[in-house]
Amino acid sequence: MSDVMLRLSGVSKTYNKGRENEVQVLANADLALAPGEMVALVAPSGAGKSTLLHIAGLLDTPDTGRVEIGGTDYTGLSDRRRTVARRQEVGFVYQFHHLLPEFTALENIVLPQLANGVARAEAAARAADLLERVGVGPRSGHRPSAMSGGEQQRVAFCRALANAPRLLLADEPTGNLDPATSDQVFGALVQLVRDTGLSALIATHNLELAARMDRVVKLDQGKVVPG
């Protein structure tokens, strides 16, 4: 196993390239996450946090630089191979849960596993276990509309981990919740990450939540620097 789970090397990204309103969001940025490490990414809106996460999670490609996950260089791969890698290696959590409204909590976690070739019974057992870990097991048969915001986001956490990724990327995962619920839900996320031993890069504006992680980094003029 590689001693670095995520490595970004010399990553740059410019939008509207060659135009008058050209914006360089990332400028030769470097970042490394160790296996099992939780890192907070703190920066103001518009500084490039989402762009960095999308590049790290193979949803976007850098103009220059390399992206490695688990020691494998994914730079320059075809869209098909990047899609397979995302499905198997990376879990995503966003500010809004984006659960499928017509399916139950359990089904929302089963479906990604079925798409990855897991047998239905095995997928359902894993989904039930994940829901129990974050304290919403009794709500497994409910649809998102019948759940609170905090419960919905916990289900989203479980869905992100459905296919047992090695890397979790989260973009303001509690930003849509009130402070008390945010603290409770974030605690569930931290416990889930620690239990499963995966690496996590979590963008947040909340400095109190950031302080609960292993270390903090920030974006400064397109570069990743210690927080």
C-alpha atoms as a PDB file:
ATOM      1  CA  MET A   1       0.000   0.000   0.000  1.00  0.00           C
ATOM      2  CA  SER A   2       1.192   3.505  -0.815  1.00  0.00           C
ATOM      3  CA  ASP A   3       2.148   5.716   2.129  1.00  0.00           C
ATOM      4  CA  VAL A   4       0.180   8.530   0.443  1.00  0.00           C
ATOM      5  CA  MET A   5      -3.502   8.043  -0.357  1.00  0.00           C
ATOM      6  CA  LEU A   6      -4.021  11.282  -2.276  1.00  0.00           C
ATOM      7  CA  ARG A   7      -1.296  13.302  -3.936  1.00  0.00           C
ATOM      8  CA  LEU A   8      -1.790  16.430  -6.006  1.00  0.00           C
ATOM      9  CA  SER A   9       1.435  17.600  -7.643  1.00  0.00           C
ATOM     10  CA  GLY A  10       1.780  20.956  -9.377  1.00  0.00           C
ATOM     11  CA  VAL A  11      -1.948  21.213 -10.063  1.00  0.00           C
ATOM     12  CA  SER A  12      -3.089  24.345 -11.908  1.00  0.00           C
ATOM     13  CA  LYS A  13      -6.518  25.290 -13.232  1.00  0.00           C
ATOM     14  CA  THR A  14      -7.625  28.378 -15.120  1.00  0.00           C
ATOM     15  CA  TYR A  15     -11.166  29.154 -16.240  1.00  0.00           C
ATOM     16  CA  ASN A  16     -12.046  31.226 -19.323  1.00  0.00           C
ATOM     17  CA  LYS A  17      -8.513  30.676 -20.528  1.00  0.00           C
ATOM     18  CA  GLY A  18      -7.307  33.247 -23.024  1.00  0.00           C
ATOM     19  CA  ARG A  19     -10.248  35.572 -22.435  1.00  0.00           C
ATOM     20  CA  GLU A  20     -10.422  38.955 -20.770  1.00  0.00           C
ATOM     21  CA  ASN A  21     -12.133  37.480 -17.711  1.00  0.00           C
ATOM     22  CA  GLU A  22      -9.588  34.654 -17.299  1.00  0.00           C
ATOM     23  CA  VAL A  23      -9.389  33.424 -13.693  1.00  0.00           C
ATOM     24  CA  GLN A  24      -6.614  31.210 -12.352  1.00  0.00           C
ATOM     25  CA  VAL A  25      -8.121  29.249  -9.472  1.00  0.00           C
ATOM     26  CA  LEU A  26      -5.261  26.855  -8.703  1.00  0.00           C
ATOM     27  CA  ALA A  27      -1.607  27.688  -9.275  1.00  0.00           C
ATOM     28  CA  ASN A  28       0.903  24.835  -9.001  1.00  0.00           C
ATOM     29  CA  ALA A  29      -0.897  23.443  -5.937  1.00  0.00           C
ATOM     30  CA  ASP A  30       0.531  20.482  -4.012  1.00  0.00           C
ATOM     31  CA  LEU A  31      -1.252  18.351  -1.418  1.00  0.00           C
ATOM     32  CA  ALA A  32      -0.713  14.906   0.119  1.00  0.00           C
ATOM     33  CA  LEU A  33      -3.026  12.906   2.392  1.00  0.00           C
ATOM     34  CA  ALA A  34      -1.798   9.873   4.298  1.00  0.00           C
ATOM     35  CA  PRO A  35      -3.963   6.741   4.611  1.00  0.00           C
ATOM     36  CA  GLY A  36      -6.499   7.253   7.382  1.00  0.00           C
ATOM     37  CA  GLU A  37      -5.833  10.990   7.651  1.00  0.00           C
ATOM     38  CA  MET A  38      -8.611  13.595   7.954  1.00  0.00           C
ATOM     39  CA  VAL A  39      -7.682  17.008   6.575  1.00  0.00           C
ATOM     40  CA  ALA A  40      -9.780  20.174   6.703  1.00  0.00           C
ATOM     41  CA  LEU A  41      -9.668  22.496   3.705  1.00  0.00           C
ATOM     42  CA  VAL A  42     -10.535  26.041   4.757  1.00  0.00           C
ATOM     43  CA  ALA A  43     -10.870  28.983   2.382  1.00  0.00           C
ATOM     44  CA  PRO A  44     -13.389  31.718   1.582  1.00  0.00           C
ATOM     45  CA  SER A  45     -16.032  31.222  -1.095  1.00  0.00           C
ATOM     46  CA  GLY A  46     -14.596  31.531  -4.575  1.00  0.00           C
ATOM     47  CA  ALA A  47     -11.076  30.605  -3.519  1.00  0.00           C
ATOM     48  CA  GLY A  48     -11.141  27.281  -5.370  1.00  0.00           C
ATOM     49  CA  LYS A  49     -12.116  24.679  -2.752  1.00  0.00           C
ATOM     50  CA  SER A  50     -14.705  23.009  -4.967  1.00  0.00           C
ATOM     51  CA  THR A  51     -12.343  23.025  -7.948  1.00  0.00           C
ATOM     52  CA  LEU A  52      -9.629  21.360  -5.870  1.00  0.00           C
ATOM     53  CA  LEU A  53     -12.070  18.697  -4.650  1.00  0.00           C
ATOM     54  CA  HIS A  54     -13.384  18.027  -8.157  1.00  0.00           C
ATOM     55  CA  ILE A  55      -9.860  17.581  -9.492  1.00  0.00           C
ATOM     56  CA  ALA A  56      -8.879  15.367  -6.548  1.00  0.00           C
ATOM     57  CA  GLY A  57     -11.987  13.253  -7.139  1.00  0.00           C
ATOM     58  CA  LEU A  58     -11.426  12.926 -10.905  1.00  0.00           C
ATOM     59  CA  LEU A  59     -14.548  14.936 -11.736  1.00  0.00           C
ATOM     60  CA  ASP A  60     -12.432  17.597 -13.409  1.00  0.00           C
ATOM     61  CA  THR A  61      -8.987  17.645 -14.973  1.00  0.00           C
ATOM     62  CA  PRO A  62      -6.156  20.073 -14.192  1.00  0.00           C
ATOM     63  CA  ASP A  63      -4.523  22.170 -16.882  1.00  0.00           C
ATOM     64  CA  THR A  64      -1.173  20.992 -15.548  1.00  0.00           C
ATOM     65  CA  GLY A  65      -0.076  18.681 -12.747  1.00  0.00           C
ATOM     66  CA  ARG A  66      -0.759  15.141 -11.559  1.00  0.00           C
ATOM     67  CA  VAL A  67      -3.454  13.429  -9.496  1.00  0.00           C
ATOM     68  CA  GLU A  68      -2.555  10.179  -7.746  1.00  0.00           C
ATOM     69  CA  ILE A  69      -4.839   8.041  -5.583  1.00  0.00           C
ATOM     70  CA  GLY A  70      -3.332   5.133  -3.694  1.00  0.00           C
ATOM     71  CA  GLY A  71      -0.116   5.446  -5.675  1.00  0.00           C
ATOM     72  CA  THR A  72      -1.858   5.261  -9.075  1.00  0.00           C
ATOM     73  CA  ASP A  73      -1.492   8.225 -11.429  1.00  0.00           C
ATOM     74  CA  TYR A  74      -4.920   9.021 -12.881  1.00  0.00           C
ATOM     75  CA  THR A  75      -3.779  12.026 -14.905  1.00  0.00           C
ATOM     76  CA  GLY A  76      -4.693  11.796 -18.568  1.00  0.00           C
ATOM     77  CA  LEU A  77      -6.848   8.679 -18.352  1.00  0.00           C
ATOM     78  CA  SER A  78      -9.933   8.303 -20.547  1.00  0.00           C
ATOM     79  CA  ASP A  79     -13.321   9.406 -19.226  1.00  0.00           C
ATOM     80  CA  ARG A  80     -14.397   5.765 -18.953  1.00  0.00           C
ATOM     81  CA  ARG A  81     -11.425   4.778 -16.809  1.00  0.00           C
ATOM     82  CA  ARG A  82     -11.847   7.873 -14.652  1.00  0.00           C
ATOM     83  CA  THR A  83     -15.509   6.997 -14.125  1.00  0.00           C
ATOM     84  CA  VAL A  84     -14.614   3.488 -12.983  1.00  0.00           C
ATOM     85  CA  ALA A  85     -11.942   4.886 -10.666  1.00  0.00           C
ATOM     86  CA  ARG A  86     -14.393   7.369  -9.128  1.00  0.00           C
ATOM     87  CA  ARG A  87     -16.900   4.612  -8.483  1.00  0.00           C
ATOM     88  CA  GLN A  88     -14.355   2.361  -6.795  1.00  0.00           C
ATOM     89  CA  GLU A  89     -11.900   4.720  -5.119  1.00  0.00           C
ATOM     90  CA  VAL A  90     -13.708   7.941  -4.193  1.00  0.00           C
ATOM     91  CA  GLY A  91     -16.765   8.890  -2.148  1.00  0.00           C
ATOM     92  CA  PHE A  92     -18.344  12.350  -2.403  1.00  0.00           C
ATOM     93  CA  VAL A  93     -20.475  14.316   0.062  1.00  0.00           C
ATOM     94  CA  TYR A  94     -21.943  17.705  -0.781  1.00  0.00           C
ATOM     95  CA  GLN A  95     -23.663  20.476   1.164  1.00  0.00           C
ATOM     96  CA  PHE A  96     -27.034  19.224  -0.070  1.00  0.00           C
ATOM     97  CA  HIS A  97     -27.734  15.527   0.283  1.00  0.00           C
ATOM     98  CA  HIS A  98     -28.922  14.857  -3.316  1.00  0.00           C
ATOM     99  CA  LEU A  99     -30.666  11.647  -2.236  1.00  0.00           C
ATOM    100  CA  LEU A 100     -33.059  10.062  -4.717  1.00  0.00           C
ATOM    101  CA  PRO A 101     -36.494  11.070  -3.376  1.00  0.00           C
ATOM    102  CA  GLU A 102     -38.409   8.049  -4.671  1.00  0.00           C
ATOM    103  CA  PHE A 103     -36.191   5.570  -2.814  1.00  0.00           C
ATOM    104  CA  THR A 104     -35.795   4.785   0.879  1.00  0.00           C
ATOM    105  CA  ALA A 105     -32.658   5.541   2.869  1.00  0.00           C
ATOM    106  CA  LEU A 106     -31.556   1.918   2.555  1.00  0.00           C
ATOM    107  CA  GLU A 107     -32.233   1.832  -1.181  1.00  0.00           C
ATOM    108  CA  ASN A 108     -30.229   5.032  -1.725  1.00  0.00           C
ATOM    109  CA  ILE A 109     -27.193   3.212  -0.335  1.00  0.00           C
ATOM    110  CA  VAL A 110     -27.920  -0.090  -2.082  1.00  0.00           C
ATOM    111  CA  LEU A 111     -28.165   1.402  -5.589  1.00  0.00           C
ATOM    112  CA  PRO A 112     -24.515   2.540  -5.956  1.00  0.00           C
ATOM    113  CA  GLN A 113     -23.404  -0.918  -4.899  1.00  0.00           C
ATOM    114  CA  LEU A 114     -25.629  -2.615  -7.458  1.00  0.00           C
ATOM    115  CA  ALA A 115     -24.128  -0.355 -10.130  1.00  0.00           C
ATOM    116  CA  ASN A 116     -20.720  -1.590  -8.982  1.00  0.00           C
ATOM    117  CA  GLY A 117     -21.694  -5.238  -9.376  1.00  0.00           C
ATOM    118  CA  VAL A 118     -22.433  -6.110  -5.742  1.00  0.00           C
ATOM    119  CA  ALA A 119     -25.163  -8.694  -5.070  1.00  0.00           C
ATOM    120  CA  ARG A 120     -28.385  -7.185  -3.704  1.00  0.00           C
ATOM    121  CA  ALA A 121     -28.335  -9.094  -0.403  1.00  0.00           C
ATOM    122  CA  GLU A 122     -24.729  -8.085   0.283  1.00  0.00           C
ATOM    123  CA  ALA A 123     -25.488  -4.480  -0.689  1.00  0.00           C
ATOM    124  CA  ALA A 124     -28.489  -4.345   1.634  1.00  0.00           C
ATOM    125  CA  ALA A 125     -26.479  -5.765   4.531  1.00  0.00           C
ATOM    126  CA  ARG A 126     -23.724  -3.169   4.062  1.00  0.00           C
ATOM    127  CA  ALA A 127     -26.280  -0.377   3.762  1.00  0.00           C
ATOM    128  CA  ALA A 128     -27.991  -1.429   6.983  1.00  0.00           C
ATOM    129  CA  ASP A 129     -24.658  -1.593   8.807  1.00  0.00           C
ATOM    130  CA  LEU A 130     -23.641   1.897   7.653  1.00  0.00           C
ATOM    131  CA  LEU A 131     -26.993   3.370   8.691  1.00  0.00           C
ATOM    132  CA  GLU A 132     -26.671   1.812  12.134  1.00  0.00           C
ATOM    133  CA  ARG A 133     -23.187   3.291  12.536  1.00  0.00           C
ATOM    134  CA  VAL A 134     -24.497   6.824  12.056  1.00  0.00           C
ATOM    135  CA  GLY A 135     -27.561   6.296  14.229  1.00  0.00           C
ATOM    136  CA  VAL A 136     -30.315   6.241  11.615  1.00  0.00           C
ATOM    137  CA  GLY A 137     -30.843   2.495  11.319  1.00  0.00           C
ATOM    138  CA  PRO A 138     -34.470   2.769  12.487  1.00  0.00           C
ATOM    139  CA  ARG A 139     -35.137   5.203   9.624  1.00  0.00           C
ATOM    140  CA  SER A 140     -33.813   2.901   6.897  1.00  0.00           C
ATOM    141  CA  GLY A 141     -37.261   2.328   5.406  1.00  0.00           C
ATOM    142  CA  HIS A 142     -38.126   6.031   5.184  1.00  0.00           C
ATOM    143  CA  ARG A 143     -37.852   8.182   2.086  1.00  0.00           C
ATOM    144  CA  PRO A 144     -35.819  11.401   2.335  1.00  0.00           C
ATOM    145  CA  SER A 145     -38.933  13.580   2.551  1.00  0.00           C
ATOM    146  CA  ALA A 146     -39.862  11.858   5.817  1.00  0.00           C
ATOM    147  CA  MET A 147     -36.457  12.497   7.391  1.00  0.00           C
ATOM    148  CA  SER A 148     -34.894  15.538   9.038  1.00  0.00           C
ATOM    149  CA  GLY A 149     -32.054  17.458   7.386  1.00  0.00           C
ATOM    150  CA  GLY A 150     -29.540  15.896   9.724  1.00  0.00           C
ATOM    151  CA  GLU A 151     -30.838  12.408   9.016  1.00  0.00           C
ATOM    152  CA  GLN A 152     -30.759  13.015   5.278  1.00  0.00           C
ATOM    153  CA  GLN A 153     -27.141  14.127   5.432  1.00  0.00           C
ATOM    154  CA  ARG A 154     -26.155  11.073   7.472  1.00  0.00           C
ATOM    155  CA  VAL A 155     -27.694   8.895   4.781  1.00  0.00           C
ATOM    156  CA  ALA A 156     -25.662  10.854   2.217  1.00  0.00           C
ATOM    157  CA  PHE A 157     -22.515  10.031   4.199  1.00  0.00           C
ATOM    158  CA  CYS A 158     -23.408   6.352   4.088  1.00  0.00           C
ATOM    159  CA  ARG A 159     -24.098   6.489   0.368  1.00  0.00           C
ATOM    160  CA  ALA A 160     -20.667   8.057  -0.194  1.00  0.00           C
ATOM    161  CA  LEU A 161     -19.093   5.076   1.573  1.00  0.00           C
ATOM    162  CA  ALA A 162     -21.344   2.451  -0.020  1.00  0.00           C
ATOM    163  CA  ASN A 163     -18.647   1.068  -2.320  1.00  0.00           C
ATOM    164  CA  ALA A 164     -15.930   1.154   0.360  1.00  0.00           C
ATOM    165  CA  PRO A 165     -13.796   3.901  -1.232  1.00  0.00           C
ATOM    166  CA  ARG A 166     -10.314   4.672   0.012  1.00  0.00           C
ATOM    167  CA  LEU A 167     -10.807   8.441  -0.248  1.00  0.00           C
ATOM    168  CA  LEU A 168     -13.686  10.637   0.931  1.00  0.00           C
ATOM    169  CA  LEU A 169     -14.123  14.174  -0.407  1.00  0.00           C
ATOM    170  CA  ALA A 170     -16.683  16.441   1.237  1.00  0.00           C
ATOM    171  CA  ASP A 171     -17.676  19.968   0.211  1.00  0.00           C
ATOM    172  CA  GLU A 172     -19.239  21.855   3.160  1.00  0.00           C
ATOM    173  CA  PRO A 173     -21.027  18.667   4.291  1.00  0.00           C
ATOM    174  CA  THR A 174     -22.811  20.368   7.202  1.00  0.00           C
ATOM    175  CA  GLY A 175     -23.130  23.846   5.695  1.00  0.00           C
ATOM    176  CA  ASN A 176     -26.879  23.513   5.208  1.00  0.00           C
ATOM    177  CA  LEU A 177     -27.614  22.586   8.836  1.00  0.00           C
ATOM    178  CA  ASP A 178     -28.164  24.622  11.988  1.00  0.00           C
ATOM    179  CA  PRO A 179     -25.171  24.762  14.393  1.00  0.00           C
ATOM    180  CA  ALA A 180     -26.436  22.143  16.855  1.00  0.00           C
ATOM    181  CA  THR A 181     -27.369  19.667  14.128  1.00  0.00           C
ATOM    182  CA  SER A 182     -24.159  20.435  12.253  1.00  0.00           C
ATOM    183  CA  ASP A 183     -22.054  19.515  15.272  1.00  0.00           C
ATOM    184  CA  GLN A 184     -23.959  16.273  15.823  1.00  0.00           C
ATOM    185  CA  VAL A 185     -23.894  15.240  12.171  1.00  0.00           C
ATOM    186  CA  PHE A 186     -20.220  16.100  11.786  1.00  0.00           C
ATOM    187  CA  GLY A 187     -19.463  13.916  14.788  1.00  0.00           C
ATOM    188  CA  ALA A 188     -21.185  11.037  13.009  1.00  0.00           C
ATOM    189  CA  LEU A 189     -19.072  11.676   9.915  1.00  0.00           C
ATOM    190  CA  VAL A 190     -15.829  11.715  11.895  1.00  0.00           C
ATOM    191  CA  GLN A 191     -16.750   8.459  13.613  1.00  0.00           C
ATOM    192  CA  LEU A 192     -17.657   6.846  10.304  1.00  0.00           C
ATOM    193  CA  VAL A 193     -14.359   7.900   8.743  1.00  0.00           C
ATOM    194  CA  ARG A 194     -12.369   6.677  11.749  1.00  0.00           C
ATOM    195  CA  ASP A 195     -14.239   3.354  11.816  1.00  0.00           C
ATOM    196  CA  THR A 196     -13.587   2.666   8.156  1.00  0.00           C
ATOM    197  CA  GLY A 197     -10.004   3.962   8.118  1.00  0.00           C
ATOM    198  CA  LEU A 198     -10.253   5.907   4.892  1.00  0.00           C
ATOM    199  CA  SER A 199      -8.600   9.234   4.089  1.00  0.00           C
ATOM    200  CA  ALA A 200     -10.789  12.334   3.997  1.00  0.00           C
ATOM    201  CA  LEU A 201     -10.438  15.863   2.632  1.00  0.00           C
ATOM    202  CA  ILE A 202     -13.259  18.013   3.979  1.00  0.00           C
ATOM    203  CA  ALA A 203     -13.905  21.593   2.897  1.00  0.00           C
ATOM    204  CA  THR A 204     -15.569  23.665   5.597  1.00  0.00           C
ATOM    205  CA  HIS A 205     -16.058  27.258   6.716  1.00  0.00           C
ATOM    206  CA  ASN A 206     -16.509  26.073  10.296  1.00  0.00           C
ATOM    207  CA  LEU A 207     -13.219  26.498  12.132  1.00  0.00           C
ATOM    208  CA  GLU A 208     -14.471  24.578  15.175  1.00  0.00           C
ATOM    209  CA  LEU A 209     -15.219  21.562  13.002  1.00  0.00           C
ATOM    210  CA  ALA A 210     -11.907  21.959  11.181  1.00  0.00           C
ATOM    211  CA  ALA A 211     -10.058  21.839  14.500  1.00  0.00           C
ATOM    212  CA  ARG A 212     -11.453  18.335  15.123  1.00  0.00           C
ATOM    213  CA  MET A 213      -9.537  16.932  12.160  1.00  0.00           C
ATOM    214  CA  ASP A 214      -5.902  15.836  12.005  1.00  0.00           C
ATOM    215  CA  ARG A 215      -4.709  19.035  10.362  1.00  0.00           C
ATOM    216  CA  VAL A 216      -5.925  22.089   8.490  1.00  0.00           C
ATOM    217  CA  VAL A 217      -4.837  23.433   5.117  1.00  0.00           C
ATOM    218  CA  LYS A 218      -6.044  26.475   3.230  1.00  0.00           C
ATOM    219  CA  LEU A 219      -5.896  27.930  -0.245  1.00  0.00           C
ATOM    220  CA  ASP A 220      -3.799  31.053  -0.663  1.00  0.00           C
ATOM    221  CA  GLN A 221      -3.478  32.541  -4.146  1.00  0.00           C
ATOM    222  CA  GLY A 222      -4.126  29.162  -5.713  1.00  0.00           C
ATOM    223  CA  LYS A 223      -1.681  27.205  -3.575  1.00  0.00           C
ATOM    224  CA  VAL A 224      -2.334  24.805  -0.689  1.00  0.00           C
ATOM    225  CA  VAL A 225      -0.638  26.013   2.483  1.00  0.00           C
ATOM    226  CA  PRO A 226      -0.812  24.992   6.163  1.00  0.00           C
ATOM    227  CA  GLY A 227      -3.899  26.388   7.888  1.00  0.00           C
END
